[in-house]
Amino acid sequence: KDATVWRKPSEEFSGYLYKAQGVVEDVTNRIVDHIRPGPYRLDWDSLMTTMDIMETFEENCCVMRYTTAGQLWNIIAPREFVDFSYTTNYEDGLLTCGISLDYGEVRPNFVRGFNHPCGWFCVPLKDCPSHSLLTGYIQTELRGMLPQSAVDTAMSSTLANFYSDLKKALKT
């Protein structure tokens, strides 16, 4: 009930491009502050277990390394990602986007995943500016030896849970 998730074959790799969309009861700046790399994300995103800003190039532009918890009873082992992240104004709202980099050594006990170009657009609703439309385009290549059906199940439920967890965090 919090979000709608669609998918189509990715043009970047053999998996899917996911689109997730939902209305969030808050203003764009506050929503994006909870999504982009920074202190809020670890507090509410149950999938993310660590996050380190490795390099900062300018305000709203960095390289970050983060890890995710295992999923589906650890059929999907914990993953590590290193992403370039950039946040900027977009129309009346904000865009935070990223792509993975081949950067540094993979830590033990993790599989290095790869995010192909992805991003979150957050714009205020025209008829109700205290609510925002949050749209995400995600194409994550989890890598490792995984059945595609497990990846598809995990991605859909993860994106739906992302919205409900974000809404709970914004109410506190």
N, C-alpha and C. Protein backbone atom coordinates (compact mmCIF):
# COMPACT_ATOMS: atom_id res chain seq x y z
N LYS A 1 0.81 -1.20 0.00
CA LYS A 1 0.00 0.00 0.00
C LYS A 1 0.84 1.26 0.00
N ASP A 2 2.14 1.16 0.32
CA ASP A 2 3.01 2.33 0.37
C ASP A 2 3.63 2.68 -0.97
N ALA A 3 3.81 1.68 -1.83
CA ALA A 3 4.51 1.91 -3.09
C ALA A 3 4.05 0.92 -4.14
N THR A 4 4.25 1.32 -5.39
CA THR A 4 4.03 0.43 -6.52
C THR A 4 5.39 0.16 -7.15
N VAL A 5 5.65 -1.10 -7.48
CA VAL A 5 6.94 -1.48 -8.05
C VAL A 5 6.70 -2.15 -9.40
N TRP A 6 7.43 -1.67 -10.42
CA TRP A 6 7.39 -2.27 -11.75
C TRP A 6 8.79 -2.73 -12.09
N ARG A 7 8.89 -3.57 -13.11
CA ARG A 7 10.20 -3.97 -13.60
C ARG A 7 10.14 -4.21 -15.10
N LYS A 8 11.30 -4.03 -15.72
CA LYS A 8 11.46 -4.37 -17.13
C LYS A 8 12.91 -4.76 -17.32
N PRO A 9 13.23 -5.52 -18.37
CA PRO A 9 14.62 -5.91 -18.59
C PRO A 9 15.52 -4.68 -18.69
N SER A 10 16.65 -4.75 -18.01
CA SER A 10 17.62 -3.67 -18.04
C SER A 10 18.36 -3.66 -19.37
N GLU A 11 18.72 -2.48 -19.83
CA GLU A 11 19.57 -2.35 -21.00
C GLU A 11 21.04 -2.36 -20.61
N GLU A 12 21.33 -2.36 -19.31
CA GLU A 12 22.69 -2.29 -18.79
C GLU A 12 23.29 -3.67 -18.49
N PHE A 13 22.44 -4.62 -18.07
CA PHE A 13 22.92 -5.95 -17.68
C PHE A 13 21.77 -6.94 -17.83
N SER A 14 22.00 -8.20 -17.49
CA SER A 14 21.00 -9.25 -17.77
C SER A 14 19.86 -9.30 -16.76
N GLY A 15 19.83 -8.41 -15.78
CA GLY A 15 18.74 -8.37 -14.79
C GLY A 15 17.68 -7.36 -15.17
N TYR A 16 17.06 -6.76 -14.16
CA TYR A 16 15.93 -5.86 -14.38
C TYR A 16 16.21 -4.44 -13.89
N LEU A 17 15.55 -3.51 -14.55
CA LEU A 17 15.43 -2.14 -14.07
C LEU A 17 14.12 -2.08 -13.31
N TYR A 18 14.18 -1.69 -12.04
CA TYR A 18 12.99 -1.56 -11.20
C TYR A 18 12.61 -0.10 -11.07
N LYS A 19 11.33 0.16 -11.12
CA LYS A 19 10.81 1.49 -10.85
C LYS A 19 9.88 1.35 -9.66
N ALA A 20 10.13 2.16 -8.64
CA ALA A 20 9.29 2.16 -7.44
C ALA A 20 8.74 3.57 -7.28
N GLN A 21 7.46 3.67 -6.93
CA GLN A 21 6.86 5.00 -6.82
C GLN A 21 5.80 5.00 -5.73
N GLY A 22 5.80 6.09 -4.97
CA GLY A 22 4.80 6.25 -3.93
C GLY A 22 4.78 7.68 -3.41
N VAL A 23 3.68 8.04 -2.78
CA VAL A 23 3.53 9.36 -2.17
C VAL A 23 3.99 9.27 -0.73
N VAL A 24 4.82 10.25 -0.33
CA VAL A 24 5.36 10.30 1.03
C VAL A 24 4.90 11.61 1.64
N GLU A 25 4.39 11.52 2.86
CA GLU A 25 3.86 12.69 3.55
C GLU A 25 4.98 13.47 4.21
N ASP A 26 5.69 14.28 3.41
CA ASP A 26 6.72 15.17 3.92
C ASP A 26 7.25 15.99 2.75
N VAL A 27 8.12 16.96 3.05
CA VAL A 27 8.68 17.83 2.02
C VAL A 27 9.91 17.18 1.40
N THR A 28 10.21 17.56 0.17
CA THR A 28 11.27 16.90 -0.59
C THR A 28 12.62 16.93 0.11
N ASN A 29 13.02 18.07 0.66
CA ASN A 29 14.35 18.16 1.29
C ASN A 29 14.50 17.17 2.42
N ARG A 30 13.50 17.04 3.24
CA ARG A 30 13.58 16.13 4.38
C ARG A 30 13.62 14.67 3.92
N ILE A 31 12.84 14.34 2.91
CA ILE A 31 12.82 12.98 2.38
C ILE A 31 14.19 12.62 1.82
N VAL A 32 14.73 13.48 0.96
CA VAL A 32 16.02 13.18 0.34
C VAL A 32 17.14 13.16 1.37
N ASP A 33 17.05 13.98 2.41
CA ASP A 33 18.05 13.91 3.49
C ASP A 33 18.08 12.52 4.13
N HIS A 34 16.97 11.82 4.13
CA HIS A 34 16.91 10.48 4.71
C HIS A 34 17.40 9.40 3.73
N ILE A 35 17.42 9.72 2.43
CA ILE A 35 17.80 8.73 1.42
C ILE A 35 19.27 8.81 1.05
N ARG A 36 19.77 10.02 0.88
CA ARG A 36 21.15 10.18 0.38
C ARG A 36 22.15 9.74 1.45
N PRO A 37 23.43 9.58 1.02
CA PRO A 37 24.46 9.20 2.01
C PRO A 37 24.52 10.23 3.13
N GLY A 38 24.52 9.74 4.34
CA GLY A 38 24.57 10.64 5.48
C GLY A 38 24.07 9.97 6.74
N PRO A 39 23.93 10.75 7.79
CA PRO A 39 23.67 10.17 9.12
C PRO A 39 22.29 9.52 9.28
N TYR A 40 21.29 9.93 8.51
CA TYR A 40 19.95 9.38 8.72
C TYR A 40 19.79 7.96 8.19
N ARG A 41 20.45 7.65 7.10
CA ARG A 41 20.17 6.41 6.37
C ARG A 41 20.32 5.15 7.22
N LEU A 42 21.38 5.07 8.00
CA LEU A 42 21.59 3.87 8.82
C LEU A 42 20.56 3.73 9.93
N ASP A 43 19.96 4.85 10.35
CA ASP A 43 18.98 4.80 11.44
C ASP A 43 17.69 4.09 11.06
N TRP A 44 17.32 4.13 9.79
CA TRP A 44 16.00 3.61 9.43
C TRP A 44 16.03 2.52 8.37
N ASP A 45 17.05 2.45 7.53
CA ASP A 45 17.07 1.49 6.43
C ASP A 45 17.55 0.15 6.98
N SER A 46 16.61 -0.78 7.19
CA SER A 46 16.94 -2.05 7.84
C SER A 46 17.84 -2.93 6.98
N LEU A 47 17.90 -2.70 5.69
CA LEU A 47 18.76 -3.51 4.83
C LEU A 47 20.22 -3.09 4.93
N MET A 48 20.47 -1.81 5.15
CA MET A 48 21.83 -1.27 5.18
C MET A 48 22.45 -1.51 6.57
N THR A 49 23.63 -2.14 6.60
CA THR A 49 24.26 -2.44 7.88
C THR A 49 25.43 -1.52 8.20
N THR A 50 26.16 -1.03 7.21
CA THR A 50 27.22 -0.04 7.41
C THR A 50 27.22 0.94 6.25
N MET A 51 27.77 2.14 6.51
CA MET A 51 27.96 3.12 5.44
C MET A 51 29.13 4.02 5.82
N ASP A 52 30.08 4.13 4.91
CA ASP A 52 31.23 5.00 5.10
C ASP A 52 31.38 5.90 3.89
N ILE A 53 31.55 7.19 4.14
CA ILE A 53 31.87 8.12 3.07
C ILE A 53 33.38 8.01 2.86
N MET A 54 33.80 7.54 1.71
CA MET A 54 35.22 7.30 1.44
C MET A 54 35.92 8.54 0.89
N GLU A 55 35.22 9.31 0.08
CA GLU A 55 35.76 10.55 -0.48
C GLU A 55 34.61 11.52 -0.67
N THR A 56 34.86 12.80 -0.41
CA THR A 56 33.88 13.85 -0.68
C THR A 56 34.53 14.81 -1.67
N PHE A 57 33.84 15.07 -2.78
CA PHE A 57 34.39 15.93 -3.83
C PHE A 57 33.89 17.37 -3.69
N GLU A 58 32.65 17.51 -3.33
CA GLU A 58 32.02 18.80 -3.07
C GLU A 58 30.75 18.48 -2.29
N GLU A 59 30.05 19.51 -1.85
CA GLU A 59 28.81 19.24 -1.13
C GLU A 59 27.88 18.43 -2.03
N ASN A 60 27.27 17.40 -1.48
CA ASN A 60 26.31 16.54 -2.19
C ASN A 60 26.94 15.62 -3.23
N CYS A 61 28.24 15.39 -3.17
CA CYS A 61 28.93 14.55 -4.16
C CYS A 61 30.01 13.74 -3.44
N CYS A 62 29.86 12.40 -3.46
CA CYS A 62 30.82 11.59 -2.71
C CYS A 62 30.93 10.19 -3.27
N VAL A 63 31.91 9.46 -2.76
CA VAL A 63 32.03 8.02 -2.97
C VAL A 63 31.75 7.39 -1.61
N MET A 64 30.83 6.44 -1.60
CA MET A 64 30.49 5.79 -0.33
C MET A 64 30.59 4.28 -0.49
N ARG A 65 30.93 3.63 0.62
CA ARG A 65 30.93 2.16 0.68
C ARG A 65 29.89 1.78 1.72
N TYR A 66 29.03 0.85 1.35
CA TYR A 66 28.03 0.39 2.31
C TYR A 66 27.82 -1.11 2.16
N THR A 67 27.31 -1.70 3.21
CA THR A 67 27.02 -3.12 3.20
C THR A 67 25.54 -3.33 3.49
N THR A 68 25.05 -4.45 2.99
CA THR A 68 23.65 -4.81 3.21
C THR A 68 23.58 -6.15 3.92
N ALA A 69 22.50 -6.34 4.64
CA ALA A 69 22.28 -7.59 5.35
C ALA A 69 21.95 -8.71 4.37
N GLY A 70 22.13 -9.94 4.82
CA GLY A 70 21.69 -11.08 4.04
C GLY A 70 20.16 -11.05 3.93
N GLN A 71 19.65 -11.66 2.87
CA GLN A 71 18.21 -11.66 2.64
C GLN A 71 17.72 -13.08 2.34
N LEU A 72 16.41 -13.24 2.43
CA LEU A 72 15.77 -14.54 2.15
C LEU A 72 16.47 -15.66 2.91
N TRP A 73 16.52 -15.53 4.23
CA TRP A 73 17.15 -16.52 5.10
C TRP A 73 18.59 -16.77 4.69
N ASN A 74 19.27 -15.73 4.30
CA ASN A 74 20.67 -15.74 3.86
C ASN A 74 20.94 -16.54 2.59
N ILE A 75 19.88 -16.81 1.81
CA ILE A 75 20.11 -17.34 0.47
C ILE A 75 20.92 -16.30 -0.30
N ILE A 76 20.58 -15.02 -0.06
CA ILE A 76 21.37 -13.92 -0.61
C ILE A 76 22.28 -13.44 0.52
N ALA A 77 23.57 -13.71 0.38
CA ALA A 77 24.55 -13.35 1.40
C ALA A 77 24.70 -11.83 1.49
N PRO A 78 25.27 -11.33 2.58
CA PRO A 78 25.51 -9.88 2.69
C PRO A 78 26.31 -9.36 1.50
N ARG A 79 25.99 -8.16 1.07
CA ARG A 79 26.64 -7.54 -0.07
C ARG A 79 27.34 -6.26 0.34
N GLU A 80 28.36 -5.91 -0.43
CA GLU A 80 29.08 -4.65 -0.28
C GLU A 80 28.99 -3.91 -1.62
N PHE A 81 28.78 -2.59 -1.53
CA PHE A 81 28.72 -1.75 -2.72
C PHE A 81 29.63 -0.53 -2.50
N VAL A 82 30.24 -0.06 -3.57
CA VAL A 82 30.95 1.21 -3.55
C VAL A 82 30.32 2.05 -4.66
N ASP A 83 29.68 3.15 -4.26
CA ASP A 83 28.91 3.96 -5.21
C ASP A 83 29.39 5.40 -5.23
N PHE A 84 29.39 5.98 -6.42
CA PHE A 84 29.50 7.42 -6.57
C PHE A 84 28.08 7.95 -6.40
N SER A 85 27.88 8.96 -5.57
CA SER A 85 26.55 9.50 -5.30
C SER A 85 26.54 11.01 -5.50
N TYR A 86 25.49 11.50 -6.12
CA TYR A 86 25.35 12.94 -6.37
C TYR A 86 23.90 13.35 -6.14
N THR A 87 23.70 14.44 -5.42
CA THR A 87 22.35 14.96 -5.16
C THR A 87 22.29 16.39 -5.67
N THR A 88 21.20 16.70 -6.39
CA THR A 88 21.06 18.04 -6.97
C THR A 88 19.58 18.42 -7.06
N ASN A 89 19.33 19.69 -7.28
CA ASN A 89 17.96 20.15 -7.54
C ASN A 89 17.48 19.58 -8.86
N TYR A 90 16.19 19.24 -8.90
CA TYR A 90 15.58 18.72 -10.12
C TYR A 90 14.17 19.29 -10.20
N GLU A 91 13.92 20.10 -11.21
CA GLU A 91 12.64 20.78 -11.33
C GLU A 91 12.30 21.43 -9.99
N ASP A 92 11.14 21.13 -9.40
CA ASP A 92 10.77 21.72 -8.11
C ASP A 92 11.26 20.88 -6.93
N GLY A 93 11.94 19.78 -7.22
CA GLY A 93 12.33 18.88 -6.15
C GLY A 93 13.81 18.56 -6.16
N LEU A 94 14.14 17.32 -5.84
CA LEU A 94 15.53 16.89 -5.73
C LEU A 94 15.73 15.56 -6.43
N LEU A 95 16.95 15.34 -6.90
CA LEU A 95 17.37 14.09 -7.50
C LEU A 95 18.62 13.64 -6.77
N THR A 96 18.63 12.39 -6.31
CA THR A 96 19.86 11.81 -5.79
C THR A 96 20.13 10.56 -6.63
N CYS A 97 21.31 10.51 -7.24
CA CYS A 97 21.59 9.44 -8.18
C CYS A 97 22.96 8.84 -7.91
N GLY A 98 23.21 7.69 -8.50
CA GLY A 98 24.48 7.04 -8.27
C GLY A 98 24.77 5.94 -9.26
N ILE A 99 26.00 5.48 -9.18
CA ILE A 99 26.46 4.33 -9.96
C ILE A 99 27.62 3.72 -9.19
N SER A 100 27.76 2.41 -9.27
CA SER A 100 28.86 1.74 -8.56
C SER A 100 30.18 1.95 -9.29
N LEU A 101 31.23 1.88 -8.50
CA LEU A 101 32.59 2.00 -9.00
C LEU A 101 33.38 0.75 -8.63
N ASP A 102 34.33 0.37 -9.46
CA ASP A 102 35.30 -0.65 -9.05
C ASP A 102 36.36 0.10 -8.25
N TYR A 103 36.31 -0.04 -6.93
CA TYR A 103 37.10 0.82 -6.06
C TYR A 103 37.46 0.04 -4.82
N GLY A 104 38.74 -0.09 -4.56
CA GLY A 104 39.18 -0.73 -3.32
C GLY A 104 38.97 -2.24 -3.32
N GLU A 105 39.45 -2.84 -2.26
CA GLU A 105 39.33 -4.29 -2.08
C GLU A 105 37.98 -4.64 -1.47
N VAL A 106 37.46 -5.81 -1.85
CA VAL A 106 36.22 -6.32 -1.26
C VAL A 106 36.55 -6.86 0.13
N ARG A 107 35.76 -6.47 1.11
CA ARG A 107 35.98 -6.96 2.46
C ARG A 107 35.61 -8.44 2.57
N PRO A 108 36.26 -9.17 3.49
CA PRO A 108 35.93 -10.59 3.67
C PRO A 108 34.45 -10.76 4.07
N ASN A 109 33.88 -11.87 3.71
CA ASN A 109 32.50 -12.25 4.04
C ASN A 109 31.44 -11.45 3.28
N PHE A 110 31.84 -10.72 2.24
CA PHE A 110 30.88 -9.98 1.42
C PHE A 110 31.09 -10.32 -0.05
N VAL A 111 30.02 -10.22 -0.80
CA VAL A 111 30.07 -10.27 -2.26
C VAL A 111 29.94 -8.83 -2.73
N ARG A 112 30.74 -8.39 -3.67
CA ARG A 112 30.67 -7.02 -4.17
C ARG A 112 29.56 -6.94 -5.23
N GLY A 113 28.50 -6.24 -4.88
CA GLY A 113 27.42 -5.99 -5.83
C GLY A 113 27.73 -4.77 -6.67
N PHE A 114 26.90 -4.52 -7.66
CA PHE A 114 27.13 -3.39 -8.57
C PHE A 114 25.79 -2.73 -8.90
N ASN A 115 25.72 -1.44 -8.64
CA ASN A 115 24.54 -0.65 -9.02
C ASN A 115 24.81 0.03 -10.35
N HIS A 116 24.04 -0.35 -11.35
CA HIS A 116 24.10 0.35 -12.63
C HIS A 116 23.40 1.69 -12.42
N PRO A 117 23.44 2.62 -13.37
CA PRO A 117 22.85 3.95 -13.13
C PRO A 117 21.48 3.86 -12.46
N CYS A 118 21.33 4.59 -11.36
CA CYS A 118 20.09 4.54 -10.59
C CYS A 118 19.86 5.89 -9.93
N GLY A 119 18.66 6.10 -9.43
CA GLY A 119 18.40 7.37 -8.78
C GLY A 119 17.01 7.46 -8.19
N TRP A 120 16.84 8.46 -7.33
CA TRP A 120 15.57 8.77 -6.68
C TRP A 120 15.19 10.21 -7.01
N PHE A 121 14.01 10.39 -7.58
CA PHE A 121 13.45 11.71 -7.86
C PHE A 121 12.39 12.01 -6.81
N CYS A 122 12.43 13.16 -6.22
CA CYS A 122 11.46 13.53 -5.20
C CYS A 122 10.93 14.92 -5.53
N VAL A 123 9.65 14.99 -5.86
CA VAL A 123 9.03 16.27 -6.23
C VAL A 123 7.76 16.48 -5.41
N PRO A 124 7.48 17.75 -5.03
CA PRO A 124 6.26 18.00 -4.26
C PRO A 124 5.02 17.78 -5.13
N LEU A 125 3.94 17.32 -4.49
CA LEU A 125 2.68 17.19 -5.22
C LEU A 125 2.13 18.59 -5.46
N LYS A 126 1.69 18.87 -6.67
CA LYS A 126 1.21 20.21 -7.03
C LYS A 126 0.04 20.65 -6.15
N ASP A 127 -0.89 19.74 -5.89
CA ASP A 127 -2.10 20.10 -5.14
C ASP A 127 -1.92 19.97 -3.63
N CYS A 128 -0.76 19.44 -3.19
CA CYS A 128 -0.53 19.26 -1.75
C CYS A 128 0.98 19.29 -1.49
N PRO A 129 1.60 20.48 -1.41
CA PRO A 129 3.06 20.58 -1.30
C PRO A 129 3.67 19.97 -0.04
N SER A 130 2.85 19.63 0.94
CA SER A 130 3.39 18.97 2.14
C SER A 130 3.55 17.46 1.92
N HIS A 131 3.20 16.98 0.72
CA HIS A 131 3.40 15.58 0.33
C HIS A 131 4.28 15.58 -0.92
N SER A 132 5.06 14.51 -1.09
CA SER A 132 5.97 14.42 -2.23
C SER A 132 5.80 13.09 -2.94
N LEU A 133 6.02 13.12 -4.24
CA LEU A 133 6.05 11.90 -5.04
C LEU A 133 7.51 11.46 -5.12
N LEU A 134 7.79 10.27 -4.60
CA LEU A 134 9.13 9.71 -4.59
C LEU A 134 9.18 8.57 -5.59
N THR A 135 10.05 8.72 -6.60
CA THR A 135 10.18 7.72 -7.65
C THR A 135 11.63 7.26 -7.72
N GLY A 136 11.83 5.97 -7.64
CA GLY A 136 13.17 5.40 -7.71
C GLY A 136 13.34 4.52 -8.93
N TYR A 137 14.50 4.61 -9.54
CA TYR A 137 14.90 3.72 -10.64
C TYR A 137 16.14 2.99 -10.15
N ILE A 138 16.02 1.68 -10.00
CA ILE A 138 17.08 0.89 -9.38
C ILE A 138 17.41 -0.28 -10.30
N GLN A 139 18.69 -0.45 -10.56
CA GLN A 139 19.14 -1.64 -11.31
C GLN A 139 20.40 -2.17 -10.67
N THR A 140 20.16 -3.06 -9.71
CA THR A 140 21.23 -3.63 -8.90
C THR A 140 21.58 -5.02 -9.40
N GLU A 141 22.85 -5.21 -9.64
CA GLU A 141 23.38 -6.52 -10.00
C GLU A 141 24.01 -7.09 -8.74
N LEU A 142 23.33 -8.05 -8.11
CA LEU A 142 23.80 -8.56 -6.83
C LEU A 142 25.06 -9.41 -6.96
N ARG A 143 25.27 -9.98 -8.14
CA ARG A 143 26.42 -10.83 -8.42
C ARG A 143 26.44 -12.05 -7.51
N GLY A 144 27.37 -12.94 -7.76
CA GLY A 144 27.41 -14.19 -7.01
C GLY A 144 26.51 -15.22 -7.67
N MET A 145 26.45 -16.37 -7.09
CA MET A 145 25.68 -17.48 -7.65
C MET A 145 24.26 -17.46 -7.07
N LEU A 146 23.38 -16.73 -7.74
CA LEU A 146 22.01 -16.59 -7.24
C LEU A 146 21.00 -16.93 -8.32
N PRO A 147 19.94 -17.66 -7.95
CA PRO A 147 18.86 -17.84 -8.92
C PRO A 147 18.14 -16.51 -9.15
N GLN A 148 17.83 -16.19 -10.41
CA GLN A 148 17.18 -14.92 -10.74
C GLN A 148 15.86 -14.76 -9.98
N SER A 149 15.14 -15.85 -9.74
CA SER A 149 13.87 -15.76 -9.02
C SER A 149 14.08 -15.24 -7.59
N ALA A 150 15.18 -15.63 -6.94
CA ALA A 150 15.47 -15.13 -5.59
C ALA A 150 15.78 -13.64 -5.63
N VAL A 151 16.53 -13.20 -6.64
CA VAL A 151 16.84 -11.78 -6.79
C VAL A 151 15.57 -10.98 -7.01
N ASP A 152 14.69 -11.47 -7.89
CA ASP A 152 13.44 -10.76 -8.19
C ASP A 152 12.56 -10.62 -6.95
N THR A 153 12.44 -11.68 -6.18
CA THR A 153 11.65 -11.65 -4.95
C THR A 153 12.23 -10.65 -3.96
N ALA A 154 13.55 -10.71 -3.79
CA ALA A 154 14.21 -9.82 -2.84
C ALA A 154 14.07 -8.36 -3.26
N MET A 155 14.26 -8.06 -4.53
CA MET A 155 14.20 -6.67 -4.99
C MET A 155 12.81 -6.08 -4.81
N SER A 156 11.79 -6.79 -5.19
CA SER A 156 10.43 -6.27 -5.08
C SER A 156 10.05 -6.00 -3.63
N SER A 157 10.31 -6.95 -2.74
CA SER A 157 9.95 -6.75 -1.34
C SER A 157 10.83 -5.69 -0.69
N THR A 158 12.11 -5.64 -1.05
CA THR A 158 13.01 -4.63 -0.50
C THR A 158 12.54 -3.22 -0.86
N LEU A 159 12.14 -3.02 -2.11
CA LEU A 159 11.68 -1.69 -2.52
C LEU A 159 10.38 -1.30 -1.84
N ALA A 160 9.47 -2.24 -1.69
CA ALA A 160 8.21 -1.94 -1.00
C ALA A 160 8.48 -1.60 0.47
N ASN A 161 9.35 -2.38 1.12
CA ASN A 161 9.69 -2.12 2.52
C ASN A 161 10.44 -0.80 2.69
N PHE A 162 11.20 -0.41 1.69
CA PHE A 162 11.93 0.86 1.73
C PHE A 162 10.97 2.01 1.99
N TYR A 163 9.84 2.03 1.30
CA TYR A 163 8.87 3.10 1.47
C TYR A 163 8.23 3.08 2.86
N SER A 164 7.82 1.91 3.32
CA SER A 164 7.17 1.87 4.64
C SER A 164 8.16 2.22 5.74
N ASP A 165 9.42 1.77 5.63
CA ASP A 165 10.43 2.11 6.62
C ASP A 165 10.76 3.61 6.58
N LEU A 166 10.83 4.18 5.40
CA LEU A 166 11.10 5.62 5.26
C LEU A 166 9.98 6.44 5.88
N LYS A 167 8.74 6.05 5.62
CA LYS A 167 7.59 6.78 6.19
C LYS A 167 7.61 6.74 7.72
N LYS A 168 7.94 5.59 8.28
CA LYS A 168 8.03 5.48 9.75
C LYS A 168 9.13 6.40 10.28
N ALA A 169 10.27 6.43 9.62
CA ALA A 169 11.39 7.26 10.07
C ALA A 169 11.04 8.74 10.00
N LEU A 170 10.30 9.16 9.00
CA LEU A 170 9.95 10.56 8.85
C LEU A 170 8.93 11.03 9.90
N LYS A 171 8.19 10.09 10.47
CA LYS A 171 7.20 10.45 11.49
C LYS A 171 7.82 10.67 12.86
N THR A 172 9.06 10.20 13.04
CA THR A 172 9.71 10.35 14.36
C THR A 172 10.42 11.67 14.49
